[in-house]
C-alpha atoms as a PDB file:
ATOM      1  CA  MET A   1      88.026 119.655  72.714  1.00  0.00           C
ATOM      2  CA  LYS A   2      90.687 122.356  72.386  1.00  0.00           C
ATOM      3  CA  LEU A   3      89.254 124.238  75.350  1.00  0.00           C
ATOM      4  CA  LEU A   4      89.386 121.021  77.350  1.00  0.00           C
ATOM      5  CA  SER A   5      93.126 120.855  76.692  1.00  0.00           C
ATOM      6  CA  LEU A   6      93.546 124.089  78.667  1.00  0.00           C
ATOM      7  CA  THR A   7      92.577 122.159  81.804  1.00  0.00           C
ATOM      8  CA  LYS A   8      95.443 119.641  81.321  1.00  0.00           C
ATOM      9  CA  PRO A   9      93.330 116.440  81.403  1.00  0.00           C
ATOM     10  CA  GLY A  10      96.391 114.259  82.015  1.00  0.00           C
ATOM     11  CA  ILE A  11      97.187 116.085  85.240  1.00  0.00           C
ATOM     12  CA  ILE A  12      93.543 115.933  86.308  1.00  0.00           C
ATOM     13  CA  PHE A  13      93.374 112.193  85.690  1.00  0.00           C
ATOM     14  CA  GLY A  14      96.506 111.592  87.742  1.00  0.00           C
ATOM     15  CA  ASN A  15      95.091 113.606  90.605  1.00  0.00           C
ATOM     16  CA  ILE A  16      91.780 111.745  90.415  1.00  0.00           C
ATOM     17  CA  ILE A  17      93.704 108.522  91.056  1.00  0.00           C
ATOM     18  CA  THR A  18      95.418 109.943  94.136  1.00  0.00           C
ATOM     19  CA  ALA A  19      92.185 111.494  95.426  1.00  0.00           C
ATOM     20  CA  CYS A  20      90.570 108.065  95.116  1.00  0.00           C
ATOM     21  CA  GLY A  21      93.510 106.585  97.028  1.00  0.00           C
ATOM     22  CA  GLY A  22      92.865 108.939  99.921  1.00  0.00           C
ATOM     23  CA  PHE A  23      89.159 108.163  99.798  1.00  0.00           C
ATOM     24  CA  PHE A  24      89.850 104.411  99.822  1.00  0.00           C
ATOM     25  CA  LEU A  25      92.223 104.702 102.769  1.00  0.00           C
ATOM     26  CA  ALA A  26      89.594 106.501 104.834  1.00  0.00           C
ATOM     27  CA  GLN A  27      86.635 104.408 103.723  1.00  0.00           C
ATOM     28  CA  SER A  28      85.271 101.816 106.120  1.00  0.00           C
ATOM     29  CA  GLY A  29      81.895 100.172 106.286  1.00  0.00           C
ATOM     30  CA  MET A  30      79.415 100.784 103.464  1.00  0.00           C
ATOM     31  CA  PHE A  31      80.970 102.346 100.371  1.00  0.00           C
ATOM     32  CA  ASN A  32      79.526 105.772  99.498  1.00  0.00           C
ATOM     33  CA  ALA A  33      79.751 106.028  95.719  1.00  0.00           C
ATOM     34  CA  TRP A  34      77.956 109.386  95.588  1.00  0.00           C
ATOM     35  CA  LEU A  35      80.420 110.955  98.001  1.00  0.00           C
ATOM     36  CA  LEU A  36      83.325 109.633  95.934  1.00  0.00           C
ATOM     37  CA  LEU A  37      81.761 111.046  92.762  1.00  0.00           C
ATOM     38  CA  ALA A  38      81.218 114.466  94.351  1.00  0.00           C
ATOM     39  CA  THR A  39      84.737 114.522  95.763  1.00  0.00           C
ATOM     40  CA  VAL A  40      86.362 113.547  92.474  1.00  0.00           C
ATOM     41  CA  LEU A  41      84.259 115.984  90.460  1.00  0.00           C
ATOM     42  CA  GLY A  42      84.836 118.856  92.873  1.00  0.00           C
ATOM     43  CA  ILE A  43      88.600 118.485  93.147  1.00  0.00           C
ATOM     44  CA  SER A  44      88.901 117.879  89.383  1.00  0.00           C
ATOM     45  CA  LEU A  45      87.160 121.175  88.604  1.00  0.00           C
ATOM     46  CA  ILE A  46      89.334 123.084  91.067  1.00  0.00           C
ATOM     47  CA  ILE A  47      92.485 121.529  89.603  1.00  0.00           C
ATOM     48  CA  ALA A  48      91.198 122.357  86.118  1.00  0.00           C
ATOM     49  CA  SER A  49      90.763 125.980  87.184  1.00  0.00           C
ATOM     50  CA  GLY A  50      94.364 126.129  88.400  1.00  0.00           C
ATOM     51  CA  CYS A  51      95.663 124.526  85.205  1.00  0.00           C
ATOM     52  CA  VAL A  52      93.818 127.029  83.014  1.00  0.00           C
ATOM     53  CA  ILE A  53      95.387 129.896  84.959  1.00  0.00           C
ATOM     54  CA  ASN A  54      98.798 128.203  84.829  1.00  0.00           C
ATOM     55  CA  ASN A  55      98.524 127.871  81.048  1.00  0.00           C
ATOM     56  CA  TYR A  56      97.878 131.576  80.649  1.00  0.00           C
ATOM     57  CA  ILE A  57     100.607 132.731  83.044  1.00  0.00           C
ATOM     58  CA  ASP A  58     103.167 130.440  81.422  1.00  0.00           C
ATOM     59  CA  ARG A  59     102.235 131.265  77.830  1.00  0.00           C
ATOM     60  CA  ASP A  60     105.562 133.016  77.172  1.00  0.00           C
ATOM     61  CA  ILE A  61     107.792 130.175  78.383  1.00  0.00           C
ATOM     62  CA  ASP A  62     105.474 127.586  76.811  1.00  0.00           C
ATOM     63  CA  GLN A  63     106.353 129.093  73.432  1.00  0.00           C
ATOM     64  CA  LEU A  64     109.973 128.085  74.024  1.00  0.00           C
ATOM     65  CA  MET A  65     109.344 124.465  74.988  1.00  0.00           C
ATOM     66  CA  GLU A  66     108.812 121.737  72.416  1.00  0.00           C
ATOM     67  CA  ARG A  67     106.102 119.905  74.358  1.00  0.00           C
ATOM     68  CA  THR A  68     104.070 123.045  75.134  1.00  0.00           C
ATOM     69  CA  LYS A  69     104.554 125.339  72.139  1.00  0.00           C
ATOM     70  CA  ASN A  70     101.248 124.281  70.542  1.00  0.00           C
ATOM     71  CA  ARG A  71      99.041 125.110  73.514  1.00  0.00           C
ATOM     72  CA  LEU A  72      96.227 127.566  72.753  1.00  0.00           C
ATOM     73  CA  THR A  73      97.627 130.093  75.198  1.00  0.00           C
ATOM     74  CA  ALA A  74     101.156 129.795  73.777  1.00  0.00           C
ATOM     75  CA  LYS A  75      99.757 130.517  70.318  1.00  0.00           C
ATOM     76  CA  GLY A  76      97.756 133.480  71.606  1.00  0.00           C
ATOM     77  CA  LEU A  77      94.430 131.969  70.539  1.00  0.00           C
ATOM     78  CA  VAL A  78      92.544 132.784  73.754  1.00  0.00           C
ATOM     79  CA  SER A  79      92.195 136.098  75.551  1.00  0.00           C
ATOM     80  CA  GLY A  80      92.980 136.875  79.165  1.00  0.00           C
ATOM     81  CA  ARG A  81      89.331 137.796  79.736  1.00  0.00           C
ATOM     82  CA  PHE A  82      88.161 134.405  78.489  1.00  0.00           C
ATOM     83  CA  ILE A  83      90.770 132.601  80.597  1.00  0.00           C
ATOM     84  CA  ALA A  84      89.633 134.479  83.704  1.00  0.00           C
ATOM     85  CA  ALA A  85      85.971 133.635  83.100  1.00  0.00           C
ATOM     86  CA  TYR A  86      86.751 130.017  82.242  1.00  0.00           C
ATOM     87  CA  ALA A  87      88.973 129.461  85.286  1.00  0.00           C
ATOM     88  CA  LEU A  88      86.575 131.253  87.635  1.00  0.00           C
ATOM     89  CA  SER A  89      83.614 129.204  86.403  1.00  0.00           C
ATOM     90  CA  LEU A  90      85.475 125.929  86.862  1.00  0.00           C
ATOM     91  CA  GLY A  91      86.757 126.924  90.295  1.00  0.00           C
ATOM     92  CA  LEU A  92      83.410 128.129  91.609  1.00  0.00           C
ATOM     93  CA  LEU A  93      81.607 125.046  90.339  1.00  0.00           C
ATOM     94  CA  GLY A  94      84.196 122.758  91.943  1.00  0.00           C
ATOM     95  CA  ALA A  95      84.126 124.687  95.213  1.00  0.00           C
ATOM     96  CA  GLY A  96      80.337 124.577  95.260  1.00  0.00           C
ATOM     97  CA  ILE A  97      80.284 120.812  94.799  1.00  0.00           C
ATOM     98  CA  LEU A  98      82.780 120.257  97.616  1.00  0.00           C
ATOM     99  CA  TYR A  99      80.938 122.693  99.888  1.00  0.00           C
ATOM    100  CA  PHE A 100      77.476 121.180  99.431  1.00  0.00           C
ATOM    101  CA  PHE A 101      78.361 117.494  99.126  1.00  0.00           C
ATOM    102  CA  THR A 102      81.473 117.011 101.307  1.00  0.00           C
ATOM    103  CA  ASN A 103      82.525 119.349 104.133  1.00  0.00           C
ATOM    104  CA  ILE A 104      84.201 122.690 104.812  1.00  0.00           C
ATOM    105  CA  LEU A 105      87.566 121.132 105.684  1.00  0.00           C
ATOM    106  CA  THR A 106      87.703 119.329 102.345  1.00  0.00           C
ATOM    107  CA  LEU A 107      86.951 122.551 100.484  1.00  0.00           C
ATOM    108  CA  PHE A 108      89.528 124.474 102.517  1.00  0.00           C
ATOM    109  CA  ILE A 109      92.284 121.951 101.781  1.00  0.00           C
ATOM    110  CA  ALA A 110      91.427 121.964  98.071  1.00  0.00           C
ATOM    111  CA  LEU A 111      91.626 125.773  97.977  1.00  0.00           C
ATOM    112  CA  VAL A 112      94.954 125.731  99.846  1.00  0.00           C
ATOM    113  CA  GLY A 113      96.278 123.403  97.125  1.00  0.00           C
ATOM    114  CA  LEU A 114      94.987 125.770  94.449  1.00  0.00           C
ATOM    115  CA  PHE A 115      96.659 128.743  96.147  1.00  0.00           C
ATOM    116  CA  PHE A 116     100.004 126.950  96.374  1.00  0.00           C
ATOM    117  CA  TYR A 117      99.829 125.901  92.721  1.00  0.00           C
ATOM    118  CA  VAL A 118      98.763 129.217  91.210  1.00  0.00           C
ATOM    119  CA  VAL A 119     100.319 131.819  93.510  1.00  0.00           C
ATOM    120  CA  ILE A 120     103.304 130.294  95.301  1.00  0.00           C
ATOM    121  CA  TYR A 121     104.409 127.948  92.515  1.00  0.00           C
ATOM    122  CA  THR A 122     103.331 129.426  89.167  1.00  0.00           C
ATOM    123  CA  LEU A 123     103.487 133.148  89.919  1.00  0.00           C
ATOM    124  CA  TRP A 124     106.468 133.184  92.266  1.00  0.00           C
ATOM    125  CA  LEU A 125     108.884 130.274  92.512  1.00  0.00           C
ATOM    126  CA  LYS A 126     108.672 128.402  89.204  1.00  0.00           C
ATOM    127  CA  ARG A 127     110.741 131.022  87.363  1.00  0.00           C
ATOM    128  CA  ASN A 128     112.870 132.155  90.274  1.00  0.00           C
ATOM    129  CA  SER A 129     113.984 129.267  92.452  1.00  0.00           C
ATOM    130  CA  ILE A 130     114.992 125.613  92.452  1.00  0.00           C
ATOM    131  CA  TYR A 131     112.548 125.255  95.337  1.00  0.00           C
ATOM    132  CA  GLY A 132     109.641 125.621  92.959  1.00  0.00           C
ATOM    133  CA  THR A 133     109.587 121.838  92.600  1.00  0.00           C
ATOM    134  CA  LEU A 134     109.152 121.434  96.355  1.00  0.00           C
ATOM    135  CA  VAL A 135     106.239 123.870  96.442  1.00  0.00           C
ATOM    136  CA  GLY A 136     104.740 122.118  93.431  1.00  0.00           C
ATOM    137  CA  GLY A 137     105.057 118.945  95.466  1.00  0.00           C
ATOM    138  CA  VAL A 138     102.908 120.499  98.182  1.00  0.00           C
ATOM    139  CA  SER A 139     100.043 121.250  95.794  1.00  0.00           C
ATOM    140  CA  GLY A 140     100.443 117.834  94.176  1.00  0.00           C
ATOM    141  CA  ALA A 141     100.059 116.153  97.566  1.00  0.00           C
ATOM    142  CA  VAL A 142      96.693 117.788  98.283  1.00  0.00           C
ATOM    143  CA  PRO A 143      94.243 115.594  96.246  1.00  0.00           C
ATOM    144  CA  PRO A 144      94.631 112.407  98.350  1.00  0.00           C
ATOM    145  CA  VAL A 145      94.151 114.491 101.497  1.00  0.00           C
ATOM    146  CA  VAL A 146      90.987 115.929  99.933  1.00  0.00           C
ATOM    147  CA  GLY A 147      89.741 112.404  99.245  1.00  0.00           C
ATOM    148  CA  TYR A 148      90.521 111.330 102.797  1.00  0.00           C
ATOM    149  CA  CYS A 149      88.963 114.350 104.501  1.00  0.00           C
ATOM    150  CA  ALA A 150      85.814 114.066 102.388  1.00  0.00           C
ATOM    151  CA  VAL A 151      85.175 110.784 104.215  1.00  0.00           C
ATOM    152  CA  THR A 152      86.476 111.583 107.696  1.00  0.00           C
ATOM    153  CA  GLY A 153      85.837 115.306 107.992  1.00  0.00           C
ATOM    154  CA  GLN A 154      89.100 115.699 109.892  1.00  0.00           C
ATOM    155  CA  PHE A 155      92.822 116.072 109.295  1.00  0.00           C
ATOM    156  CA  ASP A 156      94.483 113.344 111.329  1.00  0.00           C
ATOM    157  CA  MET A 157      97.458 110.997 111.081  1.00  0.00           C
ATOM    158  CA  GLY A 158      95.987 109.244 108.047  1.00  0.00           C
ATOM    159  CA  ALA A 159      95.725 112.537 106.158  1.00  0.00           C
ATOM    160  CA  PHE A 160      99.264 113.476 107.129  1.00  0.00           C
ATOM    161  CA  LEU A 161     100.649 110.128 105.940  1.00  0.00           C
ATOM    162  CA  LEU A 162      98.911 110.546 102.587  1.00  0.00           C
ATOM    163  CA  PHE A 163     100.407 113.995 102.210  1.00  0.00           C
ATOM    164  CA  LEU A 164     103.843 112.601 103.047  1.00  0.00           C
ATOM    165  CA  ILE A 165     103.532 109.771 100.523  1.00  0.00           C
ATOM    166  CA  LEU A 166     102.518 112.043  97.676  1.00  0.00           C
ATOM    167  CA  PHE A 167     105.027 114.759  98.520  1.00  0.00           C
ATOM    168  CA  THR A 168     107.997 112.383  98.630  1.00  0.00           C
ATOM    169  CA  TRP A 169     106.747 110.720  95.424  1.00  0.00           C
ATOM    170  CA  GLN A 170     106.316 114.017  93.621  1.00  0.00           C
ATOM    171  CA  ILE A 171     109.926 115.181  93.908  1.00  0.00           C
ATOM    172  CA  PRO A 172     111.775 112.299  92.160  1.00  0.00           C
ATOM    173  CA  HIS A 173     108.870 112.114  89.700  1.00  0.00           C
ATOM    174  CA  SER A 174     109.317 115.811  88.849  1.00  0.00           C
ATOM    175  CA  TYR A 175     113.116 115.618  88.708  1.00  0.00           C
ATOM    176  CA  ALA A 176     112.830 112.692  86.297  1.00  0.00           C
ATOM    177  CA  ILE A 177     110.676 114.834  84.002  1.00  0.00           C
ATOM    178  CA  ALA A 178     113.163 117.708  84.312  1.00  0.00           C
ATOM    179  CA  ILE A 179     116.080 115.475  83.298  1.00  0.00           C
ATOM    180  CA  TYR A 180     114.152 113.904  80.418  1.00  0.00           C
ATOM    181  CA  ARG A 181     113.039 117.356  79.216  1.00  0.00           C
ATOM    182  CA  LEU A 182     116.259 119.128  80.208  1.00  0.00           C
ATOM    183  CA  ASP A 183     116.658 120.970  76.896  1.00  0.00           C
ATOM    184  CA  ASP A 184     113.151 122.410  77.130  1.00  0.00           C
ATOM    185  CA  TYR A 185     113.630 123.643  80.690  1.00  0.00           C
ATOM    186  CA  ALA A 186     117.035 125.125  79.880  1.00  0.00           C
ATOM    187  CA  ARG A 187     115.664 126.887  76.787  1.00  0.00           C
ATOM    188  CA  ALA A 188     112.841 128.414  78.824  1.00  0.00           C
ATOM    189  CA  ASN A 189     115.267 129.314  81.640  1.00  0.00           C
ATOM    190  CA  ILE A 190     113.236 127.485  84.275  1.00  0.00           C
ATOM    191  CA  PRO A 191     115.509 126.908  87.310  1.00  0.00           C
ATOM    192  CA  VAL A 192     114.766 123.248  88.013  1.00  0.00           C
ATOM    193  CA  LEU A 193     117.504 121.405  89.894  1.00  0.00           C
ATOM    194  CA  PRO A 194     119.050 119.573  86.882  1.00  0.00           C
ATOM    195  CA  VAL A 195     119.384 122.872  85.000  1.00  0.00           C
ATOM    196  CA  VAL A 196     120.841 124.861  87.907  1.00  0.00           C
ATOM    197  CA  LYS A 197     122.962 122.241  89.671  1.00  0.00           C
ATOM    198  CA  GLY A 198     123.376 119.651  86.939  1.00  0.00           C
ATOM    199  CA  ILE A 199     122.236 116.059  86.535  1.00  0.00           C
ATOM    200  CA  PRO A 200     125.083 114.533  88.651  1.00  0.00           C
ATOM    201  CA  TYR A 201     123.932 116.685  91.575  1.00  0.00           C
ATOM    202  CA  THR A 202     120.263 115.876  91.015  1.00  0.00           C
ATOM    203  CA  LYS A 203     120.608 112.091  91.068  1.00  0.00           C
ATOM    204  CA  PRO A 204     121.722 111.773  94.732  1.00  0.00           C
ATOM    205  CA  SER A 205     118.927 114.174  95.678  1.00  0.00           C
ATOM    206  CA  MET A 206     116.460 111.894  93.948  1.00  0.00           C
ATOM    207  CA  LEU A 207     117.809 108.909  95.889  1.00  0.00           C
ATOM    208  CA  ILE A 208     117.182 110.700  99.181  1.00  0.00           C
ATOM    209  CA  TYR A 209     113.561 111.301  98.245  1.00  0.00           C
ATOM    210  CA  LEU A 210     113.200 107.757  96.920  1.00  0.00           C
ATOM    211  CA  ILE A 211     114.268 106.415 100.302  1.00  0.00           C
ATOM    212  CA  ALA A 212     111.884 108.831 102.023  1.00  0.00           C
ATOM    213  CA  PHE A 213     109.097 107.700  99.709  1.00  0.00           C
ATOM    214  CA  ALA A 214     109.793 104.009 100.349  1.00  0.00           C
ATOM    215  CA  LEU A 215     109.429 104.667 104.079  1.00  0.00           C
ATOM    216  CA  ALA A 216     106.378 106.903 103.676  1.00  0.00           C
ATOM    217  CA  ALA A 217     104.680 104.364 101.399  1.00  0.00           C
ATOM    218  CA  ILE A 218     104.651 101.665 104.074  1.00  0.00           C
ATOM    219  CA  SER A 219     103.613 104.011 106.886  1.00  0.00           C
ATOM    220  CA  PRO A 220      99.831 103.453 106.522  1.00  0.00           C
ATOM    221  CA  GLY A 221     100.479  99.785 107.208  1.00  0.00           C
ATOM    222  CA  LEU A 222     102.637 100.545 110.216  1.00  0.00           C
ATOM    223  CA  PHE A 223      99.855 102.730 111.654  1.00  0.00           C
ATOM    224  CA  ASN A 224      97.187 100.083 110.936  1.00  0.00           C
ATOM    225  CA  TYR A 225      95.277 102.016 108.287  1.00  0.00           C
ATOM    226  CA  VAL A 226      95.696  99.102 105.872  1.00  0.00           C
ATOM    227  CA  GLY A 227      96.581  95.430 106.039  1.00  0.00           C
ATOM    228  CA  ASN A 228      99.461  93.182 105.055  1.00  0.00           C
ATOM    229  CA  VAL A 229      98.562  93.098 101.350  1.00  0.00           C
ATOM    230  CA  TYR A 230      99.092  96.835 101.030  1.00  0.00           C
ATOM    231  CA  LEU A 231     102.220  96.694 103.161  1.00  0.00           C
ATOM    232  CA  ALA A 232     103.787  93.984 100.986  1.00  0.00           C
ATOM    233  CA  ILE A 233     102.954  95.713  97.698  1.00  0.00           C
ATOM    234  CA  ALA A 234     104.080  99.129  98.948  1.00  0.00           C
ATOM    235  CA  SER A 235     107.376  97.650 100.141  1.00  0.00           C
ATOM    236  CA  LEU A 236     108.054  95.993  96.784  1.00  0.00           C
ATOM    237  CA  LEU A 237     107.151  99.108  94.800  1.00  0.00           C
ATOM    238  CA  GLY A 238     109.292 101.375  96.980  1.00  0.00           C
ATOM    239  CA  LEU A 239     112.312  99.071  96.700  1.00  0.00           C
ATOM    240  CA  ALA A 240     111.851  98.595  92.946  1.00  0.00           C
ATOM    241  CA  TRP A 241     111.700 102.337  92.307  1.00  0.00           C
ATOM    242  CA  LEU A 242     114.730 102.870  94.527  1.00  0.00           C
ATOM    243  CA  TYR A 243     116.598 100.192  92.557  1.00  0.00           C
ATOM    244  CA  ILE A 244     115.848 101.997  89.285  1.00  0.00           C
ATOM    245  CA  GLY A 245     117.038 105.218  90.913  1.00  0.00           C
ATOM    246  CA  ILE A 246     120.324 103.595  91.919  1.00  0.00           C
ATOM    247  CA  GLN A 247     120.801 102.432  88.328  1.00  0.00           C
ATOM    248  CA  GLY A 248     120.895 106.083  87.338  1.00  0.00           C
ATOM    249  CA  VAL A 249     124.174 106.600  89.174  1.00  0.00           C
ATOM    250  CA  LYS A 250     126.104 104.620  86.553  1.00  0.00           C
ATOM    251  CA  THR A 251     123.935 105.104  83.490  1.00  0.00           C
ATOM    252  CA  THR A 252     125.419 106.604  80.334  1.00  0.00           C
ATOM    253  CA  ASP A 253     122.022 107.562  78.940  1.00  0.00           C
ATOM    254  CA  ASP A 254     120.445 109.981  81.393  1.00  0.00           C
ATOM    255  CA  LYS A 255     117.370 110.719  79.304  1.00  0.00           C
ATOM    256  CA  ALA A 256     116.444 107.062  78.779  1.00  0.00           C
ATOM    257  CA  TRP A 257     116.921 106.411  82.486  1.00  0.00           C
ATOM    258  CA  ALA A 258     114.868 109.483  83.447  1.00  0.00           C
ATOM    259  CA  ARG A 259     112.047 108.380  81.163  1.00  0.00           C
ATOM    260  CA  LYS A 260     112.115 104.952  82.817  1.00  0.00           C
ATOM    261  CA  MET A 261     112.001 106.610  86.237  1.00  0.00           C
ATOM    262  CA  PHE A 262     109.045 108.741  85.165  1.00  0.00           C
ATOM    263  CA  LEU A 263     107.037 105.874  83.694  1.00  0.00           C
ATOM    264  CA  PHE A 264     107.647 103.648  86.704  1.00  0.00           C
ATOM    265  CA  SER A 265     106.625 106.469  89.035  1.00  0.00           C
ATOM    266  CA  ILE A 266     103.187 106.463  87.376  1.00  0.00           C
ATOM    267  CA  ILE A 267     102.867 102.726  87.916  1.00  0.00           C
ATOM    268  CA  VAL A 268     103.977 103.070  91.540  1.00  0.00           C
ATOM    269  CA  ILE A 269     101.474 105.722  92.569  1.00  0.00           C
ATOM    270  CA  THR A 270      98.585 104.197  90.594  1.00  0.00           C
ATOM    271  CA  VAL A 271      99.000 100.744  92.113  1.00  0.00           C
ATOM    272  CA  LEU A 272      99.592 102.186  95.568  1.00  0.00           C
ATOM    273  CA  CYS A 273      96.370 104.210  95.470  1.00  0.00           C
ATOM    274  CA  LEU A 274      94.338 101.274  94.214  1.00  0.00           C
ATOM    275  CA  VAL A 275      95.562  98.872  96.908  1.00  0.00           C
ATOM    276  CA  MET A 276      94.646 101.370  99.617  1.00  0.00           C
ATOM    277  CA  TRP A 277      91.212  99.832  99.128  1.00  0.00           C
ATOM    278  CA  VAL A 278      92.517  96.506 100.475  1.00  0.00           C
ATOM    279  CA  LYS A 279      92.288  96.242 104.259  1.00  0.00           C
ATOM    280  CA  ILE A 280      93.581  92.689 104.758  1.00  0.00           C
END
């Protein structure tokens, strides 16, 4: 069970939901449960591989953060050699499943997401730039595209819209976490926007992305990938999240507001991915 924690199951579960959303958006005709299972299993293993590597690379800063100080890597309970073997095994197994049961494009997109997460985000920008969040948003937007391309075998407008939805969702979601966990990020000297520029600067930035998300969320309906049910629900969710974001401008309790933003963001993306199934 402790070794499982190295894969960050919470992150994997969240990405499974978005991968399913992409799959549902692309699905038409007879539902292929085996393809969905292979897609979810493959992308989950690749994400798990990236999370294991991330845990090891970040072991020094994890020791400084309250929510991560008890991780096995932060406590020095696993070796670099074991981490390498564990991550490689997970990654190869996931890549093999996507290769044999989906298509080359799906595997390629999954590996691009892994590269962005491990190399561009974790190794380079996370400790050095406020733009690390944006790059993290790129890798976080990959799973729904993987789900979509597993069905279609092509990157088209539908795949692009999914990427746009998840990317614009990821930024205010991540900034909300950064504000709620501001002390941890400051202690570990991680240059997220609230630490570098301050919370008053971050809030308007979040509003810009919330507006972008609200527009992106309804785009599948505007391009006829889904029906009116999705369009109505996406519109309500986008406006509701934007309303909560606007409340942050005048709040006197930034952490309580940020936690509310974070929790509602989970509801938003979960519901949105589920209703991508609905075509009426």
